[in-house]
Amino acid sequence: MSIIDDFLSHYVREIEFYKRLANAGAERCQKILDERNIQAIVTSRAKRPDRLREKLEKRDAKRSYSSLDDIYTDIPDLAGVRIALYFPKERATVDRLLRDSFDVSQVKIFPEDSDNSSVSSSRSSAALYP
């Protein structure tokens, strides 16, 4: 069994945990937004095993995973929350609220080649911890 197969076997057994974690994160984010009367669509998900396999195989070609810990370190988004704002001008406010409510360990701006001149068309991703 390969490292990727082993990782996916663990992940499939734990996927309900990741779904609950994502749901709890979404509920907390929704509460934070509701308290400030910020309109948004908040969704959550645990990464699908088939998509995760594709991602791992592509990344393994460059990184050559040697342990499960290598994969856990490399893939921070096994569970996620998405916040889609109705009013993009509120992005900075939401960013501040999330930073005040969670420990942010990493932020990534999408698209990566963006000069960030248009806040409304860029997205960000953060690894958040309660």
N, C-alpha and C. Protein backbone atom coordinates (compact mmCIF):
# COMPACT_ATOMS: atom_id res chain seq x y z
N MET A 1 0.86 -1.18 0.00
CA MET A 1 0.00 0.00 0.00
C MET A 1 0.90 1.24 0.00
N SER A 2 0.58 2.19 -0.86
CA SER A 2 1.37 3.42 -0.95
C SER A 2 1.02 4.37 0.21
N ILE A 3 1.85 5.38 0.40
CA ILE A 3 1.60 6.40 1.42
C ILE A 3 0.26 7.08 1.14
N ILE A 4 -0.02 7.37 -0.11
CA ILE A 4 -1.27 8.04 -0.48
C ILE A 4 -2.46 7.14 -0.17
N ASP A 5 -2.36 5.86 -0.51
CA ASP A 5 -3.45 4.92 -0.20
C ASP A 5 -3.67 4.83 1.31
N ASP A 6 -2.58 4.77 2.05
CA ASP A 6 -2.66 4.70 3.51
C ASP A 6 -3.32 5.96 4.07
N PHE A 7 -2.90 7.12 3.57
CA PHE A 7 -3.49 8.38 4.01
C PHE A 7 -4.99 8.43 3.71
N LEU A 8 -5.35 8.06 2.50
CA LEU A 8 -6.77 8.09 2.11
C LEU A 8 -7.59 7.10 2.93
N SER A 9 -7.02 5.96 3.26
CA SER A 9 -7.71 4.99 4.10
C SER A 9 -8.03 5.60 5.47
N HIS A 10 -7.05 6.30 6.05
CA HIS A 10 -7.28 7.00 7.33
C HIS A 10 -8.34 8.10 7.15
N TYR A 11 -8.19 8.88 6.08
CA TYR A 11 -9.09 10.00 5.85
C TYR A 11 -10.55 9.54 5.70
N VAL A 12 -10.76 8.49 4.95
CA VAL A 12 -12.13 7.98 4.74
C VAL A 12 -12.75 7.54 6.07
N ARG A 13 -11.95 6.94 6.94
CA ARG A 13 -12.46 6.56 8.26
C ARG A 13 -12.77 7.78 9.13
N GLU A 14 -12.09 8.89 8.88
CA GLU A 14 -12.25 10.09 9.70
C GLU A 14 -13.07 11.18 9.03
N ILE A 15 -13.62 10.93 7.86
CA ILE A 15 -14.28 12.00 7.10
C ILE A 15 -15.46 12.62 7.85
N GLU A 16 -16.17 11.83 8.64
CA GLU A 16 -17.29 12.39 9.40
C GLU A 16 -16.80 13.43 10.41
N PHE A 17 -15.63 13.20 10.99
CA PHE A 17 -15.03 14.19 11.89
C PHE A 17 -14.78 15.49 11.12
N TYR A 18 -14.20 15.40 9.93
CA TYR A 18 -13.91 16.59 9.14
C TYR A 18 -15.19 17.31 8.72
N LYS A 19 -16.23 16.55 8.41
CA LYS A 19 -17.52 17.17 8.06
C LYS A 19 -18.09 17.93 9.26
N ARG A 20 -18.04 17.31 10.44
CA ARG A 20 -18.54 17.98 11.64
C ARG A 20 -17.71 19.22 11.98
N LEU A 21 -16.40 19.11 11.81
CA LEU A 21 -15.51 20.23 12.05
C LEU A 21 -15.84 21.40 11.11
N ALA A 22 -16.01 21.10 9.84
CA ALA A 22 -16.34 22.14 8.87
C ALA A 22 -17.69 22.77 9.19
N ASN A 23 -18.66 21.95 9.55
CA ASN A 23 -19.99 22.45 9.90
C ASN A 23 -19.93 23.36 11.13
N ALA A 24 -19.16 22.95 12.14
CA ALA A 24 -19.02 23.78 13.34
C ALA A 24 -18.35 25.11 13.00
N GLY A 25 -17.35 25.07 12.13
CA GLY A 25 -16.69 26.30 11.70
C GLY A 25 -17.64 27.21 10.95
N ALA A 26 -18.48 26.63 10.09
CA ALA A 26 -19.45 27.42 9.34
C ALA A 26 -20.47 28.05 10.28
N GLU A 27 -20.93 27.29 11.26
CA GLU A 27 -21.90 27.84 12.21
C GLU A 27 -21.30 29.00 13.00
N ARG A 28 -20.05 28.84 13.40
CA ARG A 28 -19.39 29.92 14.15
C ARG A 28 -19.21 31.16 13.27
N CYS A 29 -18.80 30.96 12.03
CA CYS A 29 -18.64 32.09 11.11
C CYS A 29 -19.98 32.78 10.86
N GLN A 30 -21.04 31.99 10.66
CA GLN A 30 -22.36 32.56 10.43
C GLN A 30 -22.80 33.40 11.62
N LYS A 31 -22.55 32.90 12.82
CA LYS A 31 -22.91 33.64 14.03
C LYS A 31 -22.15 34.97 14.11
N ILE A 32 -20.87 34.94 13.80
CA ILE A 32 -20.05 36.16 13.81
C ILE A 32 -20.61 37.18 12.82
N LEU A 33 -20.95 36.71 11.63
CA LEU A 33 -21.49 37.60 10.61
C LEU A 33 -22.88 38.12 10.99
N ASP A 34 -23.72 37.25 11.51
CA ASP A 34 -25.07 37.66 11.92
C ASP A 34 -25.02 38.73 13.00
N GLU A 35 -24.10 38.58 13.94
CA GLU A 35 -23.98 39.55 15.03
C GLU A 35 -23.62 40.93 14.51
N ARG A 36 -22.97 41.00 13.35
CA ARG A 36 -22.58 42.29 12.75
C ARG A 36 -23.47 42.67 11.58
N ASN A 37 -24.54 41.89 11.39
CA ASN A 37 -25.50 42.16 10.31
C ASN A 37 -24.81 42.20 8.93
N ILE A 38 -23.89 41.28 8.71
CA ILE A 38 -23.19 41.16 7.43
C ILE A 38 -23.84 40.03 6.65
N GLN A 39 -24.33 40.37 5.47
CA GLN A 39 -25.00 39.38 4.63
C GLN A 39 -23.98 38.57 3.85
N ALA A 40 -24.10 37.25 3.95
CA ALA A 40 -23.18 36.35 3.26
C ALA A 40 -23.80 34.97 3.16
N ILE A 41 -23.26 34.19 2.26
CA ILE A 41 -23.61 32.78 2.15
C ILE A 41 -22.42 32.02 2.72
N VAL A 42 -22.65 31.25 3.78
CA VAL A 42 -21.59 30.49 4.42
C VAL A 42 -21.84 29.01 4.15
N THR A 43 -20.85 28.36 3.56
CA THR A 43 -20.95 26.93 3.27
C THR A 43 -19.72 26.23 3.83
N SER A 44 -19.84 24.92 3.96
CA SER A 44 -18.71 24.15 4.47
C SER A 44 -18.64 22.82 3.74
N ARG A 45 -17.46 22.20 3.86
CA ARG A 45 -17.29 20.89 3.24
C ARG A 45 -16.05 20.21 3.80
N ALA A 46 -16.08 18.90 3.72
CA ALA A 46 -14.87 18.10 3.90
C ALA A 46 -14.44 17.70 2.50
N LYS A 47 -13.15 17.69 2.26
CA LYS A 47 -12.65 17.40 0.91
C LYS A 47 -13.08 15.99 0.49
N ARG A 48 -13.58 15.89 -0.74
CA ARG A 48 -14.01 14.59 -1.27
C ARG A 48 -12.79 13.69 -1.48
N PRO A 49 -12.89 12.43 -1.09
CA PRO A 49 -11.75 11.52 -1.23
C PRO A 49 -11.21 11.41 -2.66
N ASP A 50 -12.08 11.41 -3.66
CA ASP A 50 -11.60 11.29 -5.04
C ASP A 50 -10.81 12.53 -5.46
N ARG A 51 -11.28 13.71 -5.05
CA ARG A 51 -10.55 14.95 -5.35
C ARG A 51 -9.25 15.01 -4.56
N LEU A 52 -9.29 14.52 -3.34
CA LEU A 52 -8.10 14.50 -2.51
C LEU A 52 -7.04 13.59 -3.14
N ARG A 53 -7.45 12.44 -3.65
CA ARG A 53 -6.50 11.54 -4.32
C ARG A 53 -5.84 12.25 -5.49
N GLU A 54 -6.62 12.93 -6.32
CA GLU A 54 -6.07 13.66 -7.47
C GLU A 54 -5.04 14.69 -7.00
N LYS A 55 -5.38 15.45 -5.98
CA LYS A 55 -4.49 16.49 -5.46
C LYS A 55 -3.20 15.86 -4.92
N LEU A 56 -3.34 14.79 -4.16
CA LEU A 56 -2.18 14.14 -3.57
C LEU A 56 -1.25 13.56 -4.65
N GLU A 57 -1.82 12.96 -5.67
CA GLU A 57 -1.00 12.37 -6.72
C GLU A 57 -0.22 13.44 -7.48
N LYS A 58 -0.86 14.57 -7.75
CA LYS A 58 -0.17 15.67 -8.43
C LYS A 58 0.95 16.22 -7.55
N ARG A 59 0.66 16.43 -6.29
CA ARG A 59 1.65 17.02 -5.39
C ARG A 59 2.77 16.04 -5.05
N ASP A 60 2.44 14.76 -5.00
CA ASP A 60 3.46 13.75 -4.71
C ASP A 60 4.52 13.70 -5.81
N ALA A 61 4.12 13.97 -7.03
CA ALA A 61 5.08 13.97 -8.13
C ALA A 61 6.18 15.00 -7.90
N LYS A 62 5.87 16.10 -7.22
CA LYS A 62 6.86 17.15 -6.95
C LYS A 62 7.53 16.97 -5.58
N ARG A 63 6.78 16.44 -4.61
CA ARG A 63 7.26 16.41 -3.23
C ARG A 63 7.74 15.04 -2.76
N SER A 64 7.27 13.98 -3.35
CA SER A 64 7.59 12.61 -2.93
C SER A 64 7.36 12.42 -1.44
N TYR A 65 6.09 12.31 -1.08
CA TYR A 65 5.74 12.10 0.32
C TYR A 65 6.41 10.85 0.86
N SER A 66 6.97 10.96 2.06
CA SER A 66 7.60 9.80 2.67
C SER A 66 6.89 9.34 3.94
N SER A 67 5.90 10.14 4.39
CA SER A 67 5.17 9.75 5.59
C SER A 67 3.78 10.39 5.58
N LEU A 68 2.91 9.88 6.45
CA LEU A 68 1.59 10.48 6.59
C LEU A 68 1.70 11.91 7.09
N ASP A 69 2.65 12.16 7.98
CA ASP A 69 2.85 13.52 8.49
C ASP A 69 3.21 14.49 7.37
N ASP A 70 3.97 14.04 6.38
CA ASP A 70 4.28 14.90 5.23
C ASP A 70 3.01 15.36 4.55
N ILE A 71 2.06 14.46 4.41
CA ILE A 71 0.80 14.80 3.74
C ILE A 71 -0.03 15.72 4.62
N TYR A 72 -0.18 15.39 5.89
CA TYR A 72 -0.96 16.25 6.79
C TYR A 72 -0.39 17.67 6.83
N THR A 73 0.93 17.79 6.77
CA THR A 73 1.56 19.11 6.77
C THR A 73 1.30 19.84 5.45
N ASP A 74 1.29 19.11 4.36
CA ASP A 74 1.16 19.71 3.04
C ASP A 74 -0.28 20.07 2.67
N ILE A 75 -1.26 19.37 3.22
CA ILE A 75 -2.66 19.56 2.83
C ILE A 75 -3.44 20.12 4.03
N PRO A 76 -3.52 21.46 4.16
CA PRO A 76 -4.19 22.04 5.32
C PRO A 76 -5.70 22.17 5.16
N ASP A 77 -6.24 21.81 4.01
CA ASP A 77 -7.66 22.09 3.74
C ASP A 77 -8.52 20.83 3.63
N LEU A 78 -8.38 19.91 4.58
CA LEU A 78 -9.22 18.71 4.57
C LEU A 78 -10.66 19.06 4.92
N ALA A 79 -10.84 20.13 5.67
CA ALA A 79 -12.17 20.66 5.97
C ALA A 79 -12.11 22.15 5.70
N GLY A 80 -13.21 22.71 5.20
CA GLY A 80 -13.17 24.12 4.87
C GLY A 80 -14.50 24.81 4.99
N VAL A 81 -14.43 26.13 5.13
CA VAL A 81 -15.60 26.99 5.18
C VAL A 81 -15.41 28.06 4.11
N ARG A 82 -16.46 28.34 3.37
CA ARG A 82 -16.43 29.40 2.37
C ARG A 82 -17.45 30.46 2.75
N ILE A 83 -17.03 31.71 2.68
CA ILE A 83 -17.92 32.83 2.95
C ILE A 83 -17.99 33.66 1.67
N ALA A 84 -19.18 33.70 1.07
CA ALA A 84 -19.42 34.49 -0.12
C ALA A 84 -20.19 35.74 0.29
N LEU A 85 -19.56 36.88 0.12
CA LEU A 85 -20.16 38.14 0.54
C LEU A 85 -21.08 38.70 -0.53
N TYR A 86 -22.18 39.29 -0.10
CA TYR A 86 -23.07 39.99 -1.02
C TYR A 86 -22.47 41.34 -1.40
N PHE A 87 -21.71 41.92 -0.47
CA PHE A 87 -21.11 43.24 -0.69
C PHE A 87 -19.60 43.12 -0.51
N PRO A 88 -18.85 43.01 -1.61
CA PRO A 88 -17.41 42.81 -1.52
C PRO A 88 -16.68 43.88 -0.71
N LYS A 89 -17.25 45.06 -0.58
CA LYS A 89 -16.59 46.12 0.20
C LYS A 89 -16.47 45.72 1.67
N GLU A 90 -17.22 44.71 2.10
CA GLU A 90 -17.16 44.24 3.48
C GLU A 90 -16.04 43.23 3.72
N ARG A 91 -15.27 42.94 2.69
CA ARG A 91 -14.22 41.92 2.79
C ARG A 91 -13.22 42.24 3.89
N ALA A 92 -12.76 43.47 3.97
CA ALA A 92 -11.77 43.84 5.00
C ALA A 92 -12.36 43.68 6.40
N THR A 93 -13.63 44.04 6.56
CA THR A 93 -14.30 43.90 7.85
C THR A 93 -14.39 42.42 8.24
N VAL A 94 -14.79 41.59 7.30
CA VAL A 94 -14.90 40.15 7.57
C VAL A 94 -13.52 39.57 7.87
N ASP A 95 -12.52 39.99 7.13
CA ASP A 95 -11.17 39.53 7.39
C ASP A 95 -10.76 39.85 8.83
N ARG A 96 -11.03 41.07 9.27
CA ARG A 96 -10.69 41.47 10.64
C ARG A 96 -11.46 40.64 11.66
N LEU A 97 -12.77 40.45 11.41
CA LEU A 97 -13.59 39.66 12.33
C LEU A 97 -13.08 38.23 12.47
N LEU A 98 -12.71 37.63 11.35
CA LEU A 98 -12.20 36.26 11.39
C LEU A 98 -10.86 36.18 12.10
N ARG A 99 -10.00 37.16 11.85
CA ARG A 99 -8.70 37.18 12.53
C ARG A 99 -8.86 37.39 14.04
N ASP A 100 -9.89 38.15 14.43
CA ASP A 100 -10.16 38.36 15.85
C ASP A 100 -10.78 37.13 16.51
N SER A 101 -11.43 36.29 15.72
CA SER A 101 -12.18 35.15 16.26
C SER A 101 -11.44 33.82 16.17
N PHE A 102 -10.44 33.74 15.31
CA PHE A 102 -9.69 32.51 15.09
C PHE A 102 -8.19 32.81 15.13
N ASP A 103 -7.40 31.79 15.41
CA ASP A 103 -5.96 31.90 15.25
C ASP A 103 -5.65 31.59 13.79
N VAL A 104 -5.16 32.57 13.07
CA VAL A 104 -4.86 32.40 11.65
C VAL A 104 -3.40 32.01 11.51
N SER A 105 -3.17 30.83 10.93
CA SER A 105 -1.79 30.37 10.79
C SER A 105 -1.22 30.61 9.39
N GLN A 106 -2.11 30.80 8.41
CA GLN A 106 -1.63 30.94 7.04
C GLN A 106 -2.73 31.62 6.22
N VAL A 107 -2.35 32.53 5.33
CA VAL A 107 -3.30 33.19 4.43
C VAL A 107 -2.77 33.05 3.02
N LYS A 108 -3.66 32.73 2.09
CA LYS A 108 -3.28 32.60 0.69
C LYS A 108 -4.28 33.40 -0.14
N ILE A 109 -3.78 34.26 -1.01
CA ILE A 109 -4.63 35.08 -1.86
C ILE A 109 -4.78 34.39 -3.22
N PHE A 110 -6.02 34.33 -3.71
CA PHE A 110 -6.30 33.74 -5.02
C PHE A 110 -6.80 34.83 -5.94
N PRO A 111 -6.56 34.83 -7.20
CA PRO A 111 -5.60 33.95 -7.85
C PRO A 111 -4.19 34.35 -7.45
N GLU A 112 -3.28 33.38 -7.47
CA GLU A 112 -1.92 33.61 -6.99
C GLU A 112 -1.18 34.66 -7.79
N ASP A 113 -1.51 34.80 -9.08
CA ASP A 113 -0.80 35.78 -9.90
C ASP A 113 -1.48 37.15 -9.87
N SER A 114 -2.48 37.32 -9.01
CA SER A 114 -3.19 38.58 -8.90
C SER A 114 -2.31 39.65 -8.28
N ASP A 115 -2.46 40.88 -8.77
CA ASP A 115 -1.77 41.99 -8.13
C ASP A 115 -2.62 42.57 -7.01
N ASN A 116 -3.79 41.94 -6.75
CA ASN A 116 -4.71 42.34 -5.70
C ASN A 116 -5.24 43.75 -5.88
N SER A 117 -5.23 44.25 -7.11
CA SER A 117 -5.73 45.59 -7.35
C SER A 117 -7.25 45.63 -7.28
N SER A 118 -7.88 44.49 -7.46
CA SER A 118 -9.33 44.43 -7.40
C SER A 118 -9.74 43.50 -6.26
N VAL A 119 -10.03 44.08 -5.13
CA VAL A 119 -10.39 43.28 -3.96
C VAL A 119 -11.62 42.44 -4.24
N SER A 120 -12.57 42.97 -5.00
CA SER A 120 -13.82 42.24 -5.22
C SER A 120 -13.62 40.99 -6.06
N SER A 121 -12.57 40.93 -6.87
CA SER A 121 -12.40 39.74 -7.69
C SER A 121 -11.39 38.76 -7.11
N SER A 122 -10.74 39.12 -6.03
CA SER A 122 -9.79 38.18 -5.44
C SER A 122 -10.43 37.42 -4.30
N ARG A 123 -9.87 36.27 -4.01
CA ARG A 123 -10.36 35.45 -2.89
C ARG A 123 -9.18 35.18 -1.98
N SER A 124 -9.47 34.88 -0.74
CA SER A 124 -8.39 34.50 0.15
C SER A 124 -8.79 33.23 0.88
N SER A 125 -7.80 32.51 1.31
CA SER A 125 -7.99 31.29 2.06
C SER A 125 -7.09 31.37 3.28
N ALA A 126 -7.60 30.91 4.39
CA ALA A 126 -6.80 30.96 5.61
C ALA A 126 -6.96 29.66 6.38
N ALA A 127 -5.89 29.22 6.99
CA ALA A 127 -5.96 28.10 7.91
C ALA A 127 -6.30 28.70 9.27
N LEU A 128 -7.50 28.38 9.76
CA LEU A 128 -8.02 28.99 10.98
C LEU A 128 -8.15 27.95 12.08
N TYR A 129 -7.87 28.35 13.28
CA TYR A 129 -8.00 27.45 14.43
C TYR A 129 -8.75 28.18 15.53
N PRO A 130 -9.79 27.55 16.09
CA PRO A 130 -10.57 28.20 17.15
C PRO A 130 -9.75 28.39 18.42
